[in-house]
PDB file of N, CA and C in Angstrom:
ATOM      1  N   UNK A   1     119.847  73.101  75.596  1.00  0.00           N
ATOM      2  CA  UNK A   1     119.077  73.351  74.369  1.00  0.00           C
ATOM      3  C   UNK A   1     119.181  72.195  73.393  1.00  0.00           C
ATOM      4  N   UNK A   2     118.281  71.323  73.445  1.00  0.00           N
ATOM      5  CA  UNK A   2     118.443  70.306  72.361  1.00  0.00           C
ATOM      6  C   UNK A   2     117.956  70.855  71.064  1.00  0.00           C
ATOM      7  N   UNK A   3     118.708  70.420  69.963  1.00  0.00           N
ATOM      8  CA  UNK A   3     118.407  70.730  68.679  1.00  0.00           C
ATOM      9  C   UNK A   3     117.993  69.293  67.998  1.00  0.00           C
ATOM     10  N   UNK A   4     116.712  69.214  67.509  1.00  0.00           N
ATOM     11  CA  UNK A   4     116.217  67.912  66.943  1.00  0.00           C
ATOM     12  C   UNK A   4     116.220  68.048  65.404  1.00  0.00           C
ATOM     13  N   UNK A   5     116.730  67.046  64.799  1.00  0.00           N
ATOM     14  CA  UNK A   5     116.574  66.979  63.413  1.00  0.00           C
ATOM     15  C   UNK A   5     115.754  65.587  63.131  1.00  0.00           C
ATOM     16  N   UNK A   6     114.706  65.847  62.332  1.00  0.00           N
ATOM     17  CA  UNK A   6     113.856  64.629  61.963  1.00  0.00           C
ATOM     18  C   UNK A   6     114.065  64.465  60.564  1.00  0.00           C
ATOM     19  N   UNK A   7     114.443  63.266  60.090  1.00  0.00           N
ATOM     20  CA  UNK A   7     114.640  62.928  58.720  1.00  0.00           C
ATOM     21  C   UNK A   7     113.694  61.824  58.282  1.00  0.00           C
ATOM     22  N   UNK A   8     112.811  62.148  57.318  1.00  0.00           N
ATOM     23  CA  UNK A   8     111.728  61.255  57.045  1.00  0.00           C
ATOM     24  C   UNK A   8     111.770  61.068  55.427  1.00  0.00           C
ATOM     25  N   UNK A   9     111.012  60.224  54.976  1.00  0.00           N
ATOM     26  CA  UNK A   9     110.767  60.073  53.398  1.00  0.00           C
ATOM     27  C   UNK A   9     109.854  61.187  52.980  1.00  0.00           C
ATOM     28  N   UNK A  10     110.178  61.773  51.750  1.00  0.00           N
ATOM     29  CA  UNK A  10     109.450  63.019  51.379  1.00  0.00           C
ATOM     30  C   UNK A  10     107.928  62.722  51.246  1.00  0.00           C
ATOM     31  N   UNK A  11     107.432  61.394  51.300  1.00  0.00           N
ATOM     32  CA  UNK A  11     106.023  61.158  51.203  1.00  0.00           C
ATOM     33  C   UNK A  11     105.304  61.165  52.550  1.00  0.00           C
ATOM     34  N   UNK A  12     106.141  61.346  53.558  1.00  0.00           N
ATOM     35  CA  UNK A  12     105.612  61.410  54.969  1.00  0.00           C
ATOM     36  C   UNK A  12     104.655  62.638  55.063  1.00  0.00           C
ATOM     37  N   UNK A  13     103.454  62.307  55.335  1.00  0.00           N
ATOM     38  CA  UNK A  13     102.454  63.552  55.401  1.00  0.00           C
ATOM     39  C   UNK A  13     102.816  64.464  56.622  1.00  0.00           C
ATOM     40  N   UNK A  14     102.379  65.836  56.452  1.00  0.00           N
ATOM     41  CA  UNK A  14     102.734  66.911  57.402  1.00  0.00           C
ATOM     42  C   UNK A  14     102.181  66.385  58.720  1.00  0.00           C
ATOM     43  N   UNK A  15     100.910  65.831  58.861  1.00  0.00           N
ATOM     44  CA  UNK A  15     100.415  65.461  60.073  1.00  0.00           C
ATOM     45  C   UNK A  15     101.440  64.405  60.865  1.00  0.00           C
ATOM     46  N   UNK A  16     101.927  63.400  60.115  1.00  0.00           N
ATOM     47  CA  UNK A  16     102.753  62.456  60.681  1.00  0.00           C
ATOM     48  C   UNK A  16     104.204  63.115  61.104  1.00  0.00           C
ATOM     49  N   UNK A  17     104.600  64.123  60.468  1.00  0.00           N
ATOM     50  CA  UNK A  17     105.775  64.730  60.888  1.00  0.00           C
ATOM     51  C   UNK A  17     105.458  65.478  62.080  1.00  0.00           C
ATOM     52  N   UNK A  18     104.286  66.007  62.217  1.00  0.00           N
ATOM     53  CA  UNK A  18     104.002  66.841  63.523  1.00  0.00           C
ATOM     54  C   UNK A  18     103.947  65.799  64.699  1.00  0.00           C
ATOM     55  N   UNK A  19     103.312  64.682  64.449  1.00  0.00           N
ATOM     56  CA  UNK A  19     103.155  63.646  65.606  1.00  0.00           C
ATOM     57  C   UNK A  19     104.603  63.332  66.049  1.00  0.00           C
ATOM     58  N   UNK A  20     105.493  63.127  65.167  1.00  0.00           N
ATOM     59  CA  UNK A  20     106.950  62.779  65.493  1.00  0.00           C
ATOM     60  C   UNK A  20     107.573  63.821  66.234  1.00  0.00           C
ATOM     61  N   UNK A  21     107.542  65.004  65.731  1.00  0.00           N
ATOM     62  CA  UNK A  21     108.085  66.200  66.344  1.00  0.00           C
ATOM     63  C   UNK A  21     107.445  66.450  67.711  1.00  0.00           C
ATOM     64  N   UNK A  22     106.280  66.373  67.925  1.00  0.00           N
ATOM     65  CA  UNK A  22     105.466  66.595  69.190  1.00  0.00           C
ATOM     66  C   UNK A  22     105.965  65.484  70.248  1.00  0.00           C
ATOM     67  N   UNK A  23     105.911  64.259  69.705  1.00  0.00           N
ATOM     68  CA  UNK A  23     106.340  63.057  70.503  1.00  0.00           C
ATOM     69  C   UNK A  23     107.817  63.244  71.053  1.00  0.00           C
ATOM     70  N   UNK A  24     108.769  63.644  70.262  1.00  0.00           N
ATOM     71  CA  UNK A  24     109.898  63.835  70.805  1.00  0.00           C
ATOM     72  C   UNK A  24     110.197  65.021  71.717  1.00  0.00           C
ATOM     73  N   UNK A  25     109.539  66.160  71.370  1.00  0.00           N
ATOM     74  CA  UNK A  25     109.589  67.228  72.306  1.00  0.00           C
ATOM     75  C   UNK A  25     108.894  66.949  73.634  1.00  0.00           C
ATOM     76  N   UNK A  26     107.902  66.213  73.610  1.00  0.00           N
ATOM     77  CA  UNK A  26     107.237  65.769  74.935  1.00  0.00           C
ATOM     78  C   UNK A  26     108.106  64.982  75.754  1.00  0.00           C
ATOM     79  N   UNK A  27     108.918  64.050  75.140  1.00  0.00           N
ATOM     80  CA  UNK A  27     109.826  63.086  75.721  1.00  0.00           C
ATOM     81  C   UNK A  27     111.014  63.957  76.355  1.00  0.00           C
ATOM     82  N   UNK A  28     111.337  64.908  75.591  1.00  0.00           N
ATOM     83  CA  UNK A  28     112.433  65.743  76.180  1.00  0.00           C
ATOM     84  C   UNK A  28     112.051  66.533  77.330  1.00  0.00           C
ATOM     85  N   UNK A  29     110.885  67.093  77.207  1.00  0.00           N
ATOM     86  CA  UNK A  29     110.275  67.904  78.367  1.00  0.00           C
ATOM     87  C   UNK A  29     110.199  66.840  79.592  1.00  0.00           C
ATOM     88  N   UNK A  30     109.857  65.654  79.287  1.00  0.00           N
ATOM     89  CA  UNK A  30     109.558  64.724  80.481  1.00  0.00           C
ATOM     90  C   UNK A  30     110.858  64.410  81.252  1.00  0.00           C
ATOM     91  N   UNK A  31     112.082  64.578  80.595  1.00  0.00           N
ATOM     92  CA  UNK A  31     113.366  64.535  81.302  1.00  0.00           C
ATOM     93  C   UNK A  31     114.058  65.744  81.664  1.00  0.00           C
ATOM     94  N   UNK A  32     113.206  66.828  81.630  1.00  0.00           N
ATOM     95  CA  UNK A  32     113.826  68.009  82.315  1.00  0.00           C
ATOM     96  C   UNK A  32     114.019  69.246  81.321  1.00  0.00           C
ATOM     97  N   UNK A  33     113.921  69.089  80.102  1.00  0.00           N
ATOM     98  CA  UNK A  33     114.164  70.071  79.078  1.00  0.00           C
ATOM     99  C   UNK A  33     112.956  71.056  79.196  1.00  0.00           C
ATOM    100  N   UNK A  34     113.225  72.317  79.238  1.00  0.00           N
ATOM    101  CA  UNK A  34     112.045  73.274  79.484  1.00  0.00           C
ATOM    102  C   UNK A  34     111.213  73.244  78.205  1.00  0.00           C
ATOM    103  N   UNK A  35     109.859  73.436  78.429  1.00  0.00           N
ATOM    104  CA  UNK A  35     108.887  73.329  77.318  1.00  0.00           C
ATOM    105  C   UNK A  35     109.099  74.336  76.412  1.00  0.00           C
ATOM    106  N   UNK A  36     109.591  75.606  76.538  1.00  0.00           N
ATOM    107  CA  UNK A  36     109.735  76.477  75.619  1.00  0.00           C
ATOM    108  C   UNK A  36     110.921  76.226  74.786  1.00  0.00           C
ATOM    109  N   UNK A  37     111.977  75.264  75.221  1.00  0.00           N
ATOM    110  CA  UNK A  37     113.316  75.024  74.645  1.00  0.00           C
ATOM    111  C   UNK A  37     112.982  74.104  73.387  1.00  0.00           C
ATOM    112  N   UNK A  38     112.337  74.565  72.335  1.00  0.00           N
ATOM    113  CA  UNK A  38     111.886  73.736  71.116  1.00  0.00           C
ATOM    114  C   UNK A  38     112.576  74.215  70.085  1.00  0.00           C
ATOM    115  N   UNK A  39     113.594  73.545  69.413  1.00  0.00           N
ATOM    116  CA  UNK A  39     114.251  73.919  68.261  1.00  0.00           C
ATOM    117  C   UNK A  39     114.287  72.510  67.429  1.00  0.00           C
ATOM    118  N   UNK A  40     113.584  72.525  66.267  1.00  0.00           N
ATOM    119  CA  UNK A  40     113.497  71.255  65.575  1.00  0.00           C
ATOM    120  C   UNK A  40     113.417  71.733  63.980  1.00  0.00           C
ATOM    121  N   UNK A  41     113.936  70.780  63.274  1.00  0.00           N
ATOM    122  CA  UNK A  41     113.948  70.928  61.706  1.00  0.00           C
ATOM    123  C   UNK A  41     113.559  69.504  61.080  1.00  0.00           C
ATOM    124  N   UNK A  42     112.918  69.452  59.956  1.00  0.00           N
ATOM    125  CA  UNK A  42     112.666  68.269  59.213  1.00  0.00           C
ATOM    126  C   UNK A  42     113.476  68.202  57.928  1.00  0.00           C
ATOM    127  N   UNK A  43     114.112  67.099  57.709  1.00  0.00           N
ATOM    128  CA  UNK A  43     114.606  66.861  56.253  1.00  0.00           C
ATOM    129  C   UNK A  43     113.886  65.794  55.745  1.00  0.00           C
ATOM    130  N   UNK A  44     113.309  66.116  54.558  1.00  0.00           N
ATOM    131  CA  UNK A  44     112.379  65.092  53.693  1.00  0.00           C
ATOM    132  C   UNK A  44     113.113  64.736  52.604  1.00  0.00           C
ATOM    133  N   UNK A  45     113.435  63.407  52.465  1.00  0.00           N
ATOM    134  CA  UNK A  45     114.268  62.901  51.249  1.00  0.00           C
ATOM    135  C   UNK A  45     113.548  61.948  50.444  1.00  0.00           C
ATOM    136  N   UNK A  46     114.038  61.764  49.330  1.00  0.00           N
ATOM    137  CA  UNK A  46     113.432  60.723  48.392  1.00  0.00           C
ATOM    138  C   UNK A  46     114.222  59.546  48.434  1.00  0.00           C
ATOM    139  N   UNK A  47     113.754  58.670  47.631  1.00  0.00           N
ATOM    140  CA  UNK A  47     114.230  57.174  47.617  1.00  0.00           C
ATOM    141  C   UNK A  47     115.716  57.180  47.534  1.00  0.00           C
ATOM    142  N   UNK A  48     116.349  57.999  46.708  1.00  0.00           N
ATOM    143  CA  UNK A  48     117.691  57.825  46.410  1.00  0.00           C
ATOM    144  C   UNK A  48     118.664  58.459  47.485  1.00  0.00           C
ATOM    145  N   UNK A  49     117.895  59.210  48.446  1.00  0.00           N
ATOM    146  CA  UNK A  49     118.798  59.984  49.366  1.00  0.00           C
ATOM    147  C   UNK A  49     118.390  59.432  50.768  1.00  0.00           C
ATOM    148  N   UNK A  50     117.554  58.680  51.014  1.00  0.00           N
ATOM    149  CA  UNK A  50     117.116  57.976  52.289  1.00  0.00           C
ATOM    150  C   UNK A  50     117.234  56.410  52.156  1.00  0.00           C
ATOM    151  N   UNK A  51     118.536  56.149  52.608  1.00  0.00           N
ATOM    152  CA  UNK A  51     118.800  54.653  52.368  1.00  0.00           C
ATOM    153  C   UNK A  51     118.950  53.959  53.757  1.00  0.00           C
ATOM    154  N   UNK A  52     118.355  52.833  54.005  1.00  0.00           N
ATOM    155  CA  UNK A  52     118.294  52.195  55.168  1.00  0.00           C
ATOM    156  C   UNK A  52     118.063  50.726  54.956  1.00  0.00           C
ATOM    157  N   UNK A  53     118.543  49.820  56.111  1.00  0.00           N
ATOM    158  CA  UNK A  53     118.269  48.594  55.822  1.00  0.00           C
ATOM    159  C   UNK A  53     116.974  48.233  56.573  1.00  0.00           C
ATOM    160  N   UNK A  54     116.128  47.442  55.939  1.00  0.00           N
ATOM    161  CA  UNK A  54     114.775  47.259  56.470  1.00  0.00           C
ATOM    162  C   UNK A  54     114.830  46.393  57.813  1.00  0.00           C
ATOM    163  N   UNK A  55     115.863  45.698  58.144  1.00  0.00           N
ATOM    164  CA  UNK A  55     115.692  44.666  59.168  1.00  0.00           C
ATOM    165  C   UNK A  55     116.872  44.890  60.211  1.00  0.00           C
ATOM    166  N   UNK A  56     117.929  45.715  59.893  1.00  0.00           N
ATOM    167  CA  UNK A  56     119.201  45.746  60.881  1.00  0.00           C
ATOM    168  C   UNK A  56     118.737  46.421  62.106  1.00  0.00           C
ATOM    169  N   UNK A  57     119.211  46.026  63.383  1.00  0.00           N
ATOM    170  CA  UNK A  57     120.046  44.721  63.478  1.00  0.00           C
ATOM    171  C   UNK A  57     119.139  43.581  63.574  1.00  0.00           C
ATOM    172  N   UNK A  58     117.906  43.605  63.965  1.00  0.00           N
ATOM    173  CA  UNK A  58     116.869  42.503  63.975  1.00  0.00           C
ATOM    174  C   UNK A  58     115.543  43.154  64.118  1.00  0.00           C
ATOM    175  N   UNK A  59     114.448  42.301  63.638  1.00  0.00           N
ATOM    176  CA  UNK A  59     113.235  42.746  63.920  1.00  0.00           C
ATOM    177  C   UNK A  59     112.646  41.992  65.020  1.00  0.00           C
ATOM    178  N   UNK A  60     111.809  42.777  65.817  1.00  0.00           N
ATOM    179  CA  UNK A  60     111.008  41.980  66.925  1.00  0.00           C
ATOM    180  C   UNK A  60     110.153  41.017  66.138  1.00  0.00           C
ATOM    181  N   UNK A  61     109.794  39.927  66.998  1.00  0.00           N
ATOM    182  CA  UNK A  61     108.998  38.975  66.459  1.00  0.00           C
ATOM    183  C   UNK A  61     107.639  39.507  65.949  1.00  0.00           C
ATOM    184  N   UNK A  62     107.406  39.152  64.649  1.00  0.00           N
ATOM    185  CA  UNK A  62     106.186  39.673  64.151  1.00  0.00           C
ATOM    186  C   UNK A  62     106.122  41.046  63.417  1.00  0.00           C
ATOM    187  N   UNK A  63     107.182  41.580  63.556  1.00  0.00           N
ATOM    188  CA  UNK A  63     107.290  42.901  62.894  1.00  0.00           C
ATOM    189  C   UNK A  63     107.800  42.832  61.404  1.00  0.00           C
ATOM    190  N   UNK A  64     107.201  43.689  60.583  1.00  0.00           N
ATOM    191  CA  UNK A  64     107.385  43.521  59.081  1.00  0.00           C
ATOM    192  C   UNK A  64     108.836  44.113  58.626  1.00  0.00           C
ATOM    193  N   UNK A  65     109.284  45.012  59.493  1.00  0.00           N
ATOM    194  CA  UNK A  65     110.585  45.750  59.109  1.00  0.00           C
ATOM    195  C   UNK A  65     110.213  47.062  58.743  1.00  0.00           C
ATOM    196  N   UNK A  66     111.252  47.876  58.476  1.00  0.00           N
ATOM    197  CA  UNK A  66     111.297  49.371  58.182  1.00  0.00           C
ATOM    198  C   UNK A  66     110.629  49.440  56.687  1.00  0.00           C
ATOM    199  N   UNK A  67     109.963  50.461  56.487  1.00  0.00           N
ATOM    200  CA  UNK A  67     109.515  50.804  55.140  1.00  0.00           C
ATOM    201  C   UNK A  67     109.487  52.480  55.026  1.00  0.00           C
ATOM    202  N   UNK A  68     108.822  52.814  54.143  1.00  0.00           N
ATOM    203  CA  UNK A  68     108.757  54.372  53.811  1.00  0.00           C
ATOM    204  C   UNK A  68     108.309  55.213  55.107  1.00  0.00           C
ATOM    205  N   UNK A  69     107.720  54.485  56.127  1.00  0.00           N
ATOM    206  CA  UNK A  69     107.410  55.343  57.307  1.00  0.00           C
ATOM    207  C   UNK A  69     108.647  55.594  58.173  1.00  0.00           C
ATOM    208  N   UNK A  70     109.752  54.935  57.874  1.00  0.00           N
ATOM    209  CA  UNK A  70     110.981  54.958  58.767  1.00  0.00           C
ATOM    210  C   UNK A  70     111.226  56.376  58.846  1.00  0.00           C
ATOM    211  N   UNK A  71     111.778  56.730  60.119  1.00  0.00           N
ATOM    212  CA  UNK A  71     112.182  58.063  60.468  1.00  0.00           C
ATOM    213  C   UNK A  71     113.572  58.020  61.448  1.00  0.00           C
ATOM    214  N   UNK A  72     114.179  59.025  61.170  1.00  0.00           N
ATOM    215  CA  UNK A  72     115.363  59.066  61.865  1.00  0.00           C
ATOM    216  C   UNK A  72     115.490  60.431  62.783  1.00  0.00           C
ATOM    217  N   UNK A  73     115.568  60.328  64.067  1.00  0.00           N
ATOM    218  CA  UNK A  73     115.625  61.518  64.875  1.00  0.00           C
ATOM    219  C   UNK A  73     117.147  61.622  65.429  1.00  0.00           C
ATOM    220  N   UNK A  74     117.607  62.823  65.310  1.00  0.00           N
ATOM    221  CA  UNK A  74     118.922  63.135  65.903  1.00  0.00           C
ATOM    222  C   UNK A  74     118.652  64.134  67.003  1.00  0.00           C
ATOM    223  N   UNK A  75     119.166  63.966  68.143  1.00  0.00           N
ATOM    224  CA  UNK A  75     118.984  64.900  69.211  1.00  0.00           C
ATOM    225  C   UNK A  75     120.492  65.345  69.666  1.00  0.00           C
ATOM    226  N   UNK A  76     120.743  66.650  69.165  1.00  0.00           N
ATOM    227  CA  UNK A  76     121.976  67.260  69.463  1.00  0.00           C
ATOM    228  C   UNK A  76     121.674  68.059  70.835  1.00  0.00           C
ATOM    229  N   UNK A  77     122.437  67.670  71.869  1.00  0.00           N
ATOM    230  CA  UNK A  77     122.298  68.347  73.179  1.00  0.00           C
ATOM    231  C   UNK A  77     123.527  68.308  74.054  1.00  0.00           C
ATOM    232  N   UNK A  78     123.582  69.093  74.990  1.00  0.00           N
ATOM    233  CA  UNK A  78     124.756  69.123  75.772  1.00  0.00           C
ATOM    234  C   UNK A  78     125.194  67.994  76.617  1.00  0.00           C
ATOM    235  N   UNK A  79     126.493  67.768  76.701  1.00  0.00           N
ATOM    236  CA  UNK A  79     126.890  66.595  77.359  1.00  0.00           C
ATOM    237  C   UNK A  79     126.363  66.554  78.849  1.00  0.00           C
ATOM    238  N   UNK A  80     126.350  65.427  79.523  1.00  0.00           N
ATOM    239  CA  UNK A  80     126.186  65.268  80.878  1.00  0.00           C
ATOM    240  C   UNK A  80     124.759  64.493  81.240  1.00  0.00           C
ATOM    241  N   UNK A  81     124.080  64.142  80.323  1.00  0.00           N
ATOM    242  CA  UNK A  81     122.884  63.290  80.553  1.00  0.00           C
ATOM    243  C   UNK A  81     123.114  61.777  80.772  1.00  0.00           C
ATOM    244  N   UNK A  82     122.813  61.130  81.750  1.00  0.00           N
ATOM    245  CA  UNK A  82     123.154  59.856  81.979  1.00  0.00           C
ATOM    246  C   UNK A  82     122.418  58.763  81.181  1.00  0.00           C
ATOM    247  N   UNK A  83     122.793  57.630  81.186  1.00  0.00           N
ATOM    248  CA  UNK A  83     122.243  56.636  80.410  1.00  0.00           C
ATOM    249  C   UNK A  83     120.883  56.480  80.885  1.00  0.00           C
ATOM    250  N   UNK A  84     120.657  56.481  82.189  1.00  0.00           N
ATOM    251  CA  UNK A  84     119.411  56.439  82.757  1.00  0.00           C
ATOM    252  C   UNK A  84     118.458  57.449  82.224  1.00  0.00           C
ATOM    253  N   UNK A  85     118.881  58.738  82.161  1.00  0.00           N
ATOM    254  CA  UNK A  85     117.925  59.721  81.604  1.00  0.00           C
ATOM    255  C   UNK A  85     117.705  59.483  80.120  1.00  0.00           C
ATOM    256  N   UNK A  86     118.544  59.032  79.405  1.00  0.00           N
ATOM    257  CA  UNK A  86     118.420  58.642  78.040  1.00  0.00           C
ATOM    258  C   UNK A  86     117.354  57.442  77.821  1.00  0.00           C
ATOM    259  N   UNK A  87     117.440  56.486  78.685  1.00  0.00           N
ATOM    260  CA  UNK A  87     116.571  55.287  78.644  1.00  0.00           C
ATOM    261  C   UNK A  87     115.230  55.887  79.071  1.00  0.00           C
ATOM    262  N   UNK A  88     115.110  56.790  79.957  1.00  0.00           N
ATOM    263  CA  UNK A  88     113.750  57.440  80.432  1.00  0.00           C
ATOM    264  C   UNK A  88     113.090  58.076  79.155  1.00  0.00           C
ATOM    265  N   UNK A  89     114.060  58.865  78.477  1.00  0.00           N
ATOM    266  CA  UNK A  89     113.531  59.678  77.298  1.00  0.00           C
ATOM    267  C   UNK A  89     113.048  58.535  76.256  1.00  0.00           C
ATOM    268  N   UNK A  90     113.755  57.542  75.971  1.00  0.00           N
ATOM    269  CA  UNK A  90     113.405  56.658  75.088  1.00  0.00           C
ATOM    270  C   UNK A  90     112.006  55.909  75.388  1.00  0.00           C
ATOM    271  N   UNK A  91     111.929  55.540  76.609  1.00  0.00           N
ATOM    272  CA  UNK A  91     110.678  54.900  77.035  1.00  0.00           C
ATOM    273  C   UNK A  91     109.476  55.747  76.889  1.00  0.00           C
ATOM    274  N   UNK A  92     109.667  57.112  77.387  1.00  0.00           N
ATOM    275  CA  UNK A  92     108.663  58.088  77.179  1.00  0.00           C
ATOM    276  C   UNK A  92     108.301  58.239  75.709  1.00  0.00           C
ATOM    277  N   UNK A  93     109.249  58.319  74.827  1.00  0.00           N
ATOM    278  CA  UNK A  93     109.176  58.430  73.379  1.00  0.00           C
ATOM    279  C   UNK A  93     108.329  57.293  72.804  1.00  0.00           C
ATOM    280  N   UNK A  94     108.662  56.116  73.326  1.00  0.00           N
ATOM    281  CA  UNK A  94     107.900  54.903  72.770  1.00  0.00           C
ATOM    282  C   UNK A  94     106.504  55.100  73.099  1.00  0.00           C
ATOM    283  N   UNK A  95     106.156  55.526  74.255  1.00  0.00           N
ATOM    284  CA  UNK A  95     104.703  55.668  74.692  1.00  0.00           C
ATOM    285  C   UNK A  95     104.048  56.820  73.782  1.00  0.00           C
ATOM    286  N   UNK A  96     104.901  57.756  73.599  1.00  0.00           N
ATOM    287  CA  UNK A  96     104.249  59.017  72.885  1.00  0.00           C
ATOM    288  C   UNK A  96     103.956  58.588  71.509  1.00  0.00           C
ATOM    289  N   UNK A  97     104.879  57.744  70.849  1.00  0.00           N
ATOM    290  CA  UNK A  97     104.700  57.435  69.476  1.00  0.00           C
ATOM    291  C   UNK A  97     103.490  56.463  69.417  1.00  0.00           C
ATOM    292  N   UNK A  98     103.422  55.480  70.254  1.00  0.00           N
ATOM    293  CA  UNK A  98     102.365  54.537  70.252  1.00  0.00           C
ATOM    294  C   UNK A  98     100.974  55.337  70.338  1.00  0.00           C
ATOM    295  N   UNK A  99     100.863  56.222  71.330  1.00  0.00           N
ATOM    296  CA  UNK A  99      99.674  57.035  71.515  1.00  0.00           C
ATOM    297  C   UNK A  99      99.395  57.782  70.298  1.00  0.00           C
ATOM    298  N   UNK A 100     100.368  58.317  69.563  1.00  0.00           N
ATOM    299  CA  UNK A 100     100.077  59.010  68.405  1.00  0.00           C
ATOM    300  C   UNK A 100      99.810  58.303  67.125  1.00  0.00           C
ATOM    301  N   UNK A 101      99.861  56.908  67.220  1.00  0.00           N
ATOM    302  CA  UNK A 101      99.617  56.057  66.197  1.00  0.00           C
ATOM    303  C   UNK A 101     100.733  55.798  65.233  1.00  0.00           C
ATOM    304  N   UNK A 102     101.927  55.954  65.724  1.00  0.00           N
ATOM    305  CA  UNK A 102     103.166  55.761  64.869  1.00  0.00           C
ATOM    306  C   UNK A 102     103.928  54.569  65.570  1.00  0.00           C
ATOM    307  N   UNK A 103     104.281  53.664  64.659  1.00  0.00           N
ATOM    308  CA  UNK A 103     104.860  52.495  65.109  1.00  0.00           C
ATOM    309  C   UNK A 103     106.292  52.800  65.551  1.00  0.00           C
ATOM    310  N   UNK A 104     106.657  52.552  66.905  1.00  0.00           N
ATOM    311  CA  UNK A 104     107.950  52.938  67.402  1.00  0.00           C
ATOM    312  C   UNK A 104     109.145  52.046  66.743  1.00  0.00           C
ATOM    313  N   UNK A 105     108.814  51.016  66.107  1.00  0.00           N
ATOM    314  CA  UNK A 105     109.794  50.203  65.415  1.00  0.00           C
ATOM    315  C   UNK A 105     110.207  50.880  64.071  1.00  0.00           C
ATOM    316  N   UNK A 106     109.568  51.766  63.741  1.00  0.00           N
ATOM    317  CA  UNK A 106     109.921  52.624  62.437  1.00  0.00           C
ATOM    318  C   UNK A 106     110.795  53.771  62.771  1.00  0.00           C
ATOM    319  N   UNK A 107     111.297  54.009  64.046  1.00  0.00           N
ATOM    320  CA  UNK A 107     112.015  55.209  64.382  1.00  0.00           C
ATOM    321  C   UNK A 107     113.363  54.612  64.875  1.00  0.00           C
ATOM    322  N   UNK A 108     114.454  55.421  64.467  1.00  0.00           N
ATOM    323  CA  UNK A 108     115.826  55.263  64.928  1.00  0.00           C
ATOM    324  C   UNK A 108     116.171  56.597  65.587  1.00  0.00           C
ATOM    325  N   UNK A 109     116.753  56.672  66.827  1.00  0.00           N
ATOM    326  CA  UNK A 109     117.164  57.923  67.327  1.00  0.00           C
ATOM    327  C   UNK A 109     118.484  57.809  67.771  1.00  0.00           C
ATOM    328  N   UNK A 110     119.205  58.971  67.614  1.00  0.00           N
ATOM    329  CA  UNK A 110     120.605  59.196  67.810  1.00  0.00           C
ATOM    330  C   UNK A 110     120.863  60.240  68.578  1.00  0.00           C
ATOM    331  N   UNK A 111     121.521  60.054  69.789  1.00  0.00           N
ATOM    332  CA  UNK A 111     121.925  61.283  70.620  1.00  0.00           C
ATOM    333  C   UNK A 111     123.302  61.690  70.179  1.00  0.00           C
ATOM    334  N   UNK A 112     123.453  63.060  69.931  1.00  0.00           N
ATOM    335  CA  UNK A 112     124.943  63.446  69.797  1.00  0.00           C
ATOM    336  C   UNK A 112     125.078  64.589  70.885  1.00  0.00           C
ATOM    337  N   UNK A 113     126.212  64.479  71.580  1.00  0.00           N
ATOM    338  CA  UNK A 113     126.545  65.316  72.634  1.00  0.00           C
ATOM    339  C   UNK A 113     127.698  66.355  72.375  1.00  0.00           C
ATOM    340  N   UNK A 114     127.444  67.483  72.742  1.00  0.00           N
ATOM    341  CA  UNK A 114     128.487  68.567  72.530  1.00  0.00           C
ATOM    342  C   UNK A 114     128.778  69.345  73.854  1.00  0.00           C
ATOM    343  N   UNK A 115     129.866  69.884  74.034  1.00  0.00           N
ATOM    344  CA  UNK A 115     130.133  70.649  75.183  1.00  0.00           C
ATOM    345  C   UNK A 115     129.413  71.932  75.125  1.00  0.00           C
ATOM    346  N   UNK A 116     129.187  72.364  76.374  1.00  0.00           N
ATOM    347  CA  UNK A 116     128.392  73.626  76.665  1.00  0.00           C
ATOM    348  C   UNK A 116     128.935  74.891  75.822  1.00  0.00           C
ATOM    349  N   UNK A 117     130.252  74.907  75.785  1.00  0.00           N
ATOM    350  CA  UNK A 117     130.805  75.999  75.074  1.00  0.00           C
ATOM    351  C   UNK A 117     130.639  76.085  73.627  1.00  0.00           C
ATOM    352  N   UNK A 118     129.942  75.104  73.052  1.00  0.00           N
ATOM    353  CA  UNK A 118     129.769  74.994  71.691  1.00  0.00           C
ATOM    354  C   UNK A 118     128.229  75.444  71.262  1.00  0.00           C
ATOM    355  N   UNK A 119     127.673  76.124  72.200  1.00  0.00           N
ATOM    356  CA  UNK A 119     126.302  76.666  71.949  1.00  0.00           C
ATOM    357  C   UNK A 119     126.350  78.202  71.853  1.00  0.00           C
ATOM    358  N   UNK A 120     125.856  78.796  70.753  1.00  0.00           N
ATOM    359  CA  UNK A 120     125.591  80.164  70.797  1.00  0.00           C
ATOM    360  C   UNK A 120     124.074  80.330  70.405  1.00  0.00           C
ATOM    361  N   UNK A 121     123.168  80.620  71.313  1.00  0.00           N
ATOM    362  CA  UNK A 121     121.717  80.751  71.125  1.00  0.00           C
ATOM    363  C   UNK A 121     121.359  81.858  70.334  1.00  0.00           C
ATOM    364  N   UNK A 122     122.045  83.108  70.470  1.00  0.00           N
ATOM    365  CA  UNK A 122     121.551  84.252  69.625  1.00  0.00           C
ATOM    366  C   UNK A 122     122.741  85.271  69.960  1.00  0.00           C
ATOM    367  N   UNK A 123     122.682  86.171  68.972  1.00  0.00           N
ATOM    368  CA  UNK A 123     123.784  87.375  69.070  1.00  0.00           C
ATOM    369  C   UNK A 123     125.143  86.944  69.213  1.00  0.00           C
ATOM    370  N   UNK A 124     125.535  85.898  68.873  1.00  0.00           N
ATOM    371  CA  UNK A 124     126.891  85.257  68.828  1.00  0.00           C
ATOM    372  C   UNK A 124     127.500  85.144  70.252  1.00  0.00           C
ATOM    373  N   UNK A 125     126.548  85.027  71.287  1.00  0.00           N
ATOM    374  CA  UNK A 125     127.041  84.929  72.620  1.00  0.00           C
ATOM    375  C   UNK A 125     126.998  83.445  72.990  1.00  0.00           C
ATOM    376  N   UNK A 126     128.218  83.203  73.659  1.00  0.00           N
ATOM    377  CA  UNK A 126     128.123  81.827  74.259  1.00  0.00           C
ATOM    378  C   UNK A 126     127.844  82.023  75.812  1.00  0.00           C
ATOM    379  N   UNK A 127     126.636  81.398  76.062  1.00  0.00           N
ATOM    380  CA  UNK A 127     126.125  81.804  77.446  1.00  0.00           C
ATOM    381  C   UNK A 127     126.672  80.748  78.488  1.00  0.00           C
ATOM    382  N   UNK A 128     127.118  79.744  78.240  1.00  0.00           N
ATOM    383  CA  UNK A 128     127.542  78.702  79.235  1.00  0.00           C
ATOM    384  C   UNK A 128     128.928  78.326  79.210  1.00  0.00           C
ATOM    385  N   UNK A 129     129.682  79.275  78.947  1.00  0.00           N
ATOM    386  CA  UNK A 129     131.260  79.079  78.915  1.00  0.00           C
ATOM    387  C   UNK A 129     132.018  80.012  79.891  1.00  0.00           C
TER     388      UNK A 129
END
């Protein structure tokens, strides 16, 4: 069960937030996450609370750098996905973002992995321990 947190600037339109959430979910499904397994939240922050370097670590040739469109995606999921799967997810996400009209260079993604015993989906039950 991935749990996705999308952090955006508060000026990000609802339609853009939906493009980002849908793109992430479609990429997760492409690497084997069940389509119904969708748990996402959005954090919308102002200038004082969303701080980032516009160019770190480096901009691709011809890219202007990060701006208010910048978004951070955190994917909290269970341990065990290979680097190959993560690269496949990132490649699919890149395609999804581009197709949705969002510049993939404006997105940072972080994978956070937790043990299976750290999930309680409902009713305080640990299903995978």
